[in-house]
Amino acid sequence: MPDYLDYDDSRAMGVKAVWALRRTPGPEAEEALRGLLASGSDIVREAAAKGLRSRGVFEFEGT
């Protein structure tokens, strides 16, 4: 399937949420990022892992 037909609004929204959460201070934002590691989307899981690493968190279950 061509990439342009594989667009998923939920996945796009999940990635946008990760970008916002990685800039949001506090433990609640970190916990939300950890929750996104269980996403059904590989792209969202990877973005959440990168978001946690950008916050200095390197020990977590996930990618």
PDB file of N, CA and C in Angstrom:
ATOM      1  N   MET A   1       0.844  -1.164   0.000  1.00  0.00           N
ATOM      2  CA  MET A   1       0.000   0.000   0.000  1.00  0.00           C
ATOM      3  C   MET A   1       0.900   1.241   0.000  1.00  0.00           C
ATOM      4  N   PRO A   2       0.622   2.198  -0.856  1.00  0.00           N
ATOM      5  CA  PRO A   2       1.419   3.431  -0.870  1.00  0.00           C
ATOM      6  C   PRO A   2       1.301   4.165   0.466  1.00  0.00           C
ATOM      7  N   ASP A   3       2.396   4.817   0.863  1.00  0.00           N
ATOM      8  CA  ASP A   3       2.422   5.527   2.133  1.00  0.00           C
ATOM      9  C   ASP A   3       1.299   6.554   2.260  1.00  0.00           C
ATOM     10  N   TYR A   4       0.980   7.252   1.174  1.00  0.00           N
ATOM     11  CA  TYR A   4      -0.033   8.294   1.269  1.00  0.00           C
ATOM     12  C   TYR A   4      -1.431   7.733   1.544  1.00  0.00           C
ATOM     13  N   LEU A   5      -1.646   6.443   1.294  1.00  0.00           N
ATOM     14  CA  LEU A   5      -2.929   5.820   1.609  1.00  0.00           C
ATOM     15  C   LEU A   5      -2.942   5.207   3.015  1.00  0.00           C
ATOM     16  N   ASP A   6      -1.782   5.165   3.657  1.00  0.00           N
ATOM     17  CA  ASP A   6      -1.661   4.542   4.962  1.00  0.00           C
ATOM     18  C   ASP A   6      -1.733   5.565   6.101  1.00  0.00           C
ATOM     19  N   TYR A   7      -2.279   6.745   5.843  1.00  0.00           N
ATOM     20  CA  TYR A   7      -2.373   7.791   6.860  1.00  0.00           C
ATOM     21  C   TYR A   7      -3.399   7.393   7.915  1.00  0.00           C
ATOM     22  N   ASP A   8      -3.057   7.612   9.156  1.00  0.00           N
ATOM     23  CA  ASP A   8      -3.916   7.245  10.276  1.00  0.00           C
ATOM     24  C   ASP A   8      -4.026   8.437  11.214  1.00  0.00           C
ATOM     25  N   ASP A   9      -5.227   9.027  11.322  1.00  0.00           N
ATOM     26  CA  ASP A   9      -5.423  10.195  12.183  1.00  0.00           C
ATOM     27  C   ASP A   9      -5.050   9.898  13.629  1.00  0.00           C
ATOM     28  N   SER A  10      -5.367   8.722  14.121  1.00  0.00           N
ATOM     29  CA  SER A  10      -5.067   8.372  15.509  1.00  0.00           C
ATOM     30  C   SER A  10      -3.565   8.332  15.750  1.00  0.00           C
ATOM     31  N   ARG A  11      -2.846   7.750  14.813  1.00  0.00           N
ATOM     32  CA  ARG A  11      -1.391   7.680  14.945  1.00  0.00           C
ATOM     33  C   ARG A  11      -0.792   9.083  14.898  1.00  0.00           C
ATOM     34  N   ALA A  12      -1.274   9.913  13.986  1.00  0.00           N
ATOM     35  CA  ALA A  12      -0.774  11.286  13.874  1.00  0.00           C
ATOM     36  C   ALA A  12      -1.051  12.063  15.160  1.00  0.00           C
ATOM     37  N   MET A  13      -2.227  11.879  15.734  1.00  0.00           N
ATOM     38  CA  MET A  13      -2.569  12.557  16.981  1.00  0.00           C
ATOM     39  C   MET A  13      -1.700  12.041  18.117  1.00  0.00           C
ATOM     40  N   GLY A  14      -1.413  10.747  18.137  1.00  0.00           N
ATOM     41  CA  GLY A  14      -0.557  10.173  19.172  1.00  0.00           C
ATOM     42  C   GLY A  14       0.843  10.756  19.136  1.00  0.00           C
ATOM     43  N   VAL A  15       1.394  10.912  17.955  1.00  0.00           N
ATOM     44  CA  VAL A  15       2.733  11.482  17.817  1.00  0.00           C
ATOM     45  C   VAL A  15       2.723  12.945  18.249  1.00  0.00           C
ATOM     46  N   LYS A  16       1.683  13.676  17.904  1.00  0.00           N
ATOM     47  CA  LYS A  16       1.578  15.073  18.343  1.00  0.00           C
ATOM     48  C   LYS A  16       1.480  15.148  19.866  1.00  0.00           C
ATOM     49  N   ALA A  17       0.767  14.214  20.461  1.00  0.00           N
ATOM     50  CA  ALA A  17       0.653  14.178  21.925  1.00  0.00           C
ATOM     51  C   ALA A  17       2.017  13.924  22.556  1.00  0.00           C
ATOM     52  N   VAL A  18       2.793  13.037  21.966  1.00  0.00           N
ATOM     53  CA  VAL A  18       4.137  12.758  22.489  1.00  0.00           C
ATOM     54  C   VAL A  18       4.987  14.020  22.441  1.00  0.00           C
ATOM     55  N   TRP A  19       4.935  14.741  21.328  1.00  0.00           N
ATOM     56  CA  TRP A  19       5.729  15.971  21.214  1.00  0.00           C
ATOM     57  C   TRP A  19       5.330  16.969  22.290  1.00  0.00           C
ATOM     58  N   ALA A  20       4.054  17.073  22.589  1.00  0.00           N
ATOM     59  CA  ALA A  20       3.608  17.989  23.644  1.00  0.00           C
ATOM     60  C   ALA A  20       4.035  17.487  25.020  1.00  0.00           C
ATOM     61  N   LEU A  21       3.887  16.194  25.269  1.00  0.00           N
ATOM     62  CA  LEU A  21       4.221  15.632  26.576  1.00  0.00           C
ATOM     63  C   LEU A  21       5.710  15.725  26.890  1.00  0.00           C
ATOM     64  N   ARG A  22       6.545  15.596  25.886  1.00  0.00           N
ATOM     65  CA  ARG A  22       7.980  15.647  26.176  1.00  0.00           C
ATOM     66  C   ARG A  22       8.425  17.030  26.600  1.00  0.00           C
ATOM     67  N   ARG A  23       7.602  18.049  26.326  1.00  0.00           N
ATOM     68  CA  ARG A  23       7.919  19.417  26.743  1.00  0.00           C
ATOM     69  C   ARG A  23       7.126  19.854  27.977  1.00  0.00           C
ATOM     70  N   THR A  24       6.285  18.969  28.473  1.00  0.00           N
ATOM     71  CA  THR A  24       5.453  19.282  29.629  1.00  0.00           C
ATOM     72  C   THR A  24       6.165  18.804  30.893  1.00  0.00           C
ATOM     73  N   PRO A  25       6.425  19.711  31.838  1.00  0.00           N
ATOM     74  CA  PRO A  25       7.110  19.289  33.061  1.00  0.00           C
ATOM     75  C   PRO A  25       6.197  18.473  33.970  1.00  0.00           C
ATOM     76  N   GLY A  26       6.820  17.700  34.828  1.00  0.00           N
ATOM     77  CA  GLY A  26       6.074  16.986  35.854  1.00  0.00           C
ATOM     78  C   GLY A  26       5.988  15.495  35.642  1.00  0.00           C
ATOM     79  N   PRO A  27       5.726  14.793  36.737  1.00  0.00           N
ATOM     80  CA  PRO A  27       5.662  13.332  36.679  1.00  0.00           C
ATOM     81  C   PRO A  27       4.449  12.813  35.908  1.00  0.00           C
ATOM     82  N   GLU A  28       3.392  13.605  35.834  1.00  0.00           N
ATOM     83  CA  GLU A  28       2.197  13.157  35.102  1.00  0.00           C
ATOM     84  C   GLU A  28       2.503  13.001  33.614  1.00  0.00           C
ATOM     85  N   ALA A  29       3.278  13.941  33.068  1.00  0.00           N
ATOM     86  CA  ALA A  29       3.638  13.864  31.651  1.00  0.00           C
ATOM     87  C   ALA A  29       4.526  12.648  31.391  1.00  0.00           C
ATOM     88  N   GLU A  30       5.468  12.401  32.307  1.00  0.00           N
ATOM     89  CA  GLU A  30       6.327  11.233  32.148  1.00  0.00           C
ATOM     90  C   GLU A  30       5.506   9.947  32.216  1.00  0.00           C
ATOM     91  N   GLU A  31       4.557   9.895  33.126  1.00  0.00           N
ATOM     92  CA  GLU A  31       3.703   8.707  33.245  1.00  0.00           C
ATOM     93  C   GLU A  31       2.869   8.513  31.978  1.00  0.00           C
ATOM     94  N   ALA A  32       2.395   9.610  31.394  1.00  0.00           N
ATOM     95  CA  ALA A  32       1.626   9.510  30.153  1.00  0.00           C
ATOM     96  C   ALA A  32       2.501   8.963  29.021  1.00  0.00           C
ATOM     97  N   LEU A  33       3.751   9.415  28.957  1.00  0.00           N
ATOM     98  CA  LEU A  33       4.674   8.891  27.945  1.00  0.00           C
ATOM     99  C   LEU A  33       4.906   7.400  28.152  1.00  0.00           C
ATOM    100  N   ARG A  34       5.051   7.002  29.406  1.00  0.00           N
ATOM    101  CA  ARG A  34       5.227   5.574  29.690  1.00  0.00           C
ATOM    102  C   ARG A  34       3.995   4.783  29.238  1.00  0.00           C
ATOM    103  N   GLY A  35       2.816   5.357  29.427  1.00  0.00           N
ATOM    104  CA  GLY A  35       1.590   4.698  28.989  1.00  0.00           C
ATOM    105  C   GLY A  35       1.542   4.524  27.481  1.00  0.00           C
ATOM    106  N   LEU A  36       2.101   5.483  26.749  1.00  0.00           N
ATOM    107  CA  LEU A  36       2.101   5.403  25.291  1.00  0.00           C
ATOM    108  C   LEU A  36       3.063   4.334  24.763  1.00  0.00           C
ATOM    109  N   LEU A  37       3.934   3.827  25.624  1.00  0.00           N
ATOM    110  CA  LEU A  37       4.799   2.717  25.201  1.00  0.00           C
ATOM    111  C   LEU A  37       3.985   1.462  24.905  1.00  0.00           C
ATOM    112  N   ALA A  38       2.759   1.419  25.386  1.00  0.00           N
ATOM    113  CA  ALA A  38       1.881   0.276  25.144  1.00  0.00           C
ATOM    114  C   ALA A  38       0.948   0.502  23.955  1.00  0.00           C
ATOM    115  N   SER A  39       1.172   1.559  23.210  1.00  0.00           N
ATOM    116  CA  SER A  39       0.334   1.877  22.057  1.00  0.00           C
ATOM    117  C   SER A  39       0.356   0.749  21.032  1.00  0.00           C
ATOM    118  N   GLY A  40      -0.713   0.624  20.293  1.00  0.00           N
ATOM    119  CA  GLY A  40      -0.783  -0.355  19.214  1.00  0.00           C
ATOM    120  C   GLY A  40       0.004   0.061  17.987  1.00  0.00           C
ATOM    121  N   SER A  41       0.508   1.287  17.986  1.00  0.00           N
ATOM    122  CA  SER A  41       1.253   1.809  16.843  1.00  0.00           C
ATOM    123  C   SER A  41       2.749   1.805  17.138  1.00  0.00           C
ATOM    124  N   ASP A  42       3.517   1.169  16.260  1.00  0.00           N
ATOM    125  CA  ASP A  42       4.976   1.173  16.406  1.00  0.00           C
ATOM    126  C   ASP A  42       5.521   2.599  16.403  1.00  0.00           C
ATOM    127  N   ILE A  43       4.951   3.446  15.573  1.00  0.00           N
ATOM    128  CA  ILE A  43       5.425   4.825  15.445  1.00  0.00           C
ATOM    129  C   ILE A  43       5.204   5.589  16.748  1.00  0.00           C
ATOM    130  N   VAL A  44       4.034   5.428  17.365  1.00  0.00           N
ATOM    131  CA  VAL A  44       3.745   6.104  18.622  1.00  0.00           C
ATOM    132  C   VAL A  44       4.636   5.551  19.738  1.00  0.00           C
ATOM    133  N   ARG A  45       4.819   4.234  19.782  1.00  0.00           N
ATOM    134  CA  ARG A  45       5.706   3.644  20.799  1.00  0.00           C
ATOM    135  C   ARG A  45       7.127   4.177  20.669  1.00  0.00           C
ATOM    136  N   GLU A  46       7.626   4.238  19.452  1.00  0.00           N
ATOM    137  CA  GLU A  46       8.979   4.745  19.227  1.00  0.00           C
ATOM    138  C   GLU A  46       9.084   6.210  19.623  1.00  0.00           C
ATOM    139  N   ALA A  47       8.080   7.003  19.283  1.00  0.00           N
ATOM    140  CA  ALA A  47       8.087   8.423  19.649  1.00  0.00           C
ATOM    141  C   ALA A  47       8.041   8.585  21.167  1.00  0.00           C
ATOM    142  N   ALA A  48       7.260   7.756  21.854  1.00  0.00           N
ATOM    143  CA  ALA A  48       7.183   7.817  23.317  1.00  0.00           C
ATOM    144  C   ALA A  48       8.528   7.470  23.941  1.00  0.00           C
ATOM    145  N   ALA A  49       9.197   6.455  23.418  1.00  0.00           N
ATOM    146  CA  ALA A  49      10.517   6.075  23.928  1.00  0.00           C
ATOM    147  C   ALA A  49      11.511   7.215  23.723  1.00  0.00           C
ATOM    148  N   LYS A  50      11.485   7.850  22.553  1.00  0.00           N
ATOM    149  CA  LYS A  50      12.367   8.987  22.297  1.00  0.00           C
ATOM    150  C   LYS A  50      12.019  10.145  23.228  1.00  0.00           C
ATOM    151  N   GLY A  51      10.720  10.336  23.469  1.00  0.00           N
ATOM    152  CA  GLY A  51      10.291  11.390  24.383  1.00  0.00           C
ATOM    153  C   GLY A  51      10.809  11.159  25.789  1.00  0.00           C
ATOM    154  N   LEU A  52      10.758   9.924  26.253  1.00  0.00           N
ATOM    155  CA  LEU A  52      11.284   9.613  27.586  1.00  0.00           C
ATOM    156  C   LEU A  52      12.791   9.829  27.633  1.00  0.00           C
ATOM    157  N   ARG A  53      13.494   9.391  26.591  1.00  0.00           N
ATOM    158  CA  ARG A  53      14.941   9.601  26.569  1.00  0.00           C
ATOM    159  C   ARG A  53      15.285  11.084  26.568  1.00  0.00           C
ATOM    160  N   SER A  54      14.478  11.904  25.881  1.00  0.00           N
ATOM    161  CA  SER A  54      14.745  13.340  25.849  1.00  0.00           C
ATOM    162  C   SER A  54      14.538  13.979  27.222  1.00  0.00           C
ATOM    163  N   ARG A  55      13.763  13.307  28.085  1.00  0.00           N
ATOM    164  CA  ARG A  55      13.546  13.785  29.452  1.00  0.00           C
ATOM    165  C   ARG A  55      14.580  13.202  30.416  1.00  0.00           C
ATOM    166  N   GLY A  56      15.523  12.430  29.892  1.00  0.00           N
ATOM    167  CA  GLY A  56      16.566  11.850  30.726  1.00  0.00           C
ATOM    168  C   GLY A  56      16.191  10.517  31.333  1.00  0.00           C
ATOM    169  N   VAL A  57      15.115   9.901  30.848  1.00  0.00           N
ATOM    170  CA  VAL A  57      14.688   8.592  31.344  1.00  0.00           C
ATOM    171  C   VAL A  57      15.198   7.540  30.363  1.00  0.00           C
ATOM    172  N   PHE A  58      16.060   6.667  30.853  1.00  0.00           N
ATOM    173  CA  PHE A  58      16.661   5.670  29.968  1.00  0.00           C
ATOM    174  C   PHE A  58      16.298   4.245  30.348  1.00  0.00           C
ATOM    175  N   GLU A  59      15.669   4.057  31.498  1.00  0.00           N
ATOM    176  CA  GLU A  59      15.279   2.713  31.922  1.00  0.00           C
ATOM    177  C   GLU A  59      13.755   2.606  31.865  1.00  0.00           C
ATOM    178  N   PHE A  60      13.266   1.864  30.899  1.00  0.00           N
ATOM    179  CA  PHE A  60      11.840   1.658  30.742  1.00  0.00           C
ATOM    180  C   PHE A  60      11.615   0.468  29.847  1.00  0.00           C
ATOM    181  N   GLU A  61      10.428  -0.097  29.956  1.00  0.00           N
ATOM    182  CA  GLU A  61      10.031  -1.191  29.065  1.00  0.00           C
ATOM    183  C   GLU A  61       9.646  -0.579  27.745  1.00  0.00           C
ATOM    184  N   GLY A  62      10.132  -1.083  26.654  1.00  0.00           N
ATOM    185  CA  GLY A  62       9.745  -0.573  25.342  1.00  0.00           C
ATOM    186  C   GLY A  62      10.911  -0.552  24.390  1.00  0.00           C
ATOM    187  N   THR A  63      10.781   0.264  23.353  1.00  0.00           N
ATOM    188  CA  THR A  63      11.801   0.317  22.295  1.00  0.00           C
ATOM    189  C   THR A  63      13.026   1.059  22.722  1.00  0.00           C
TER     190      THR A  63
END
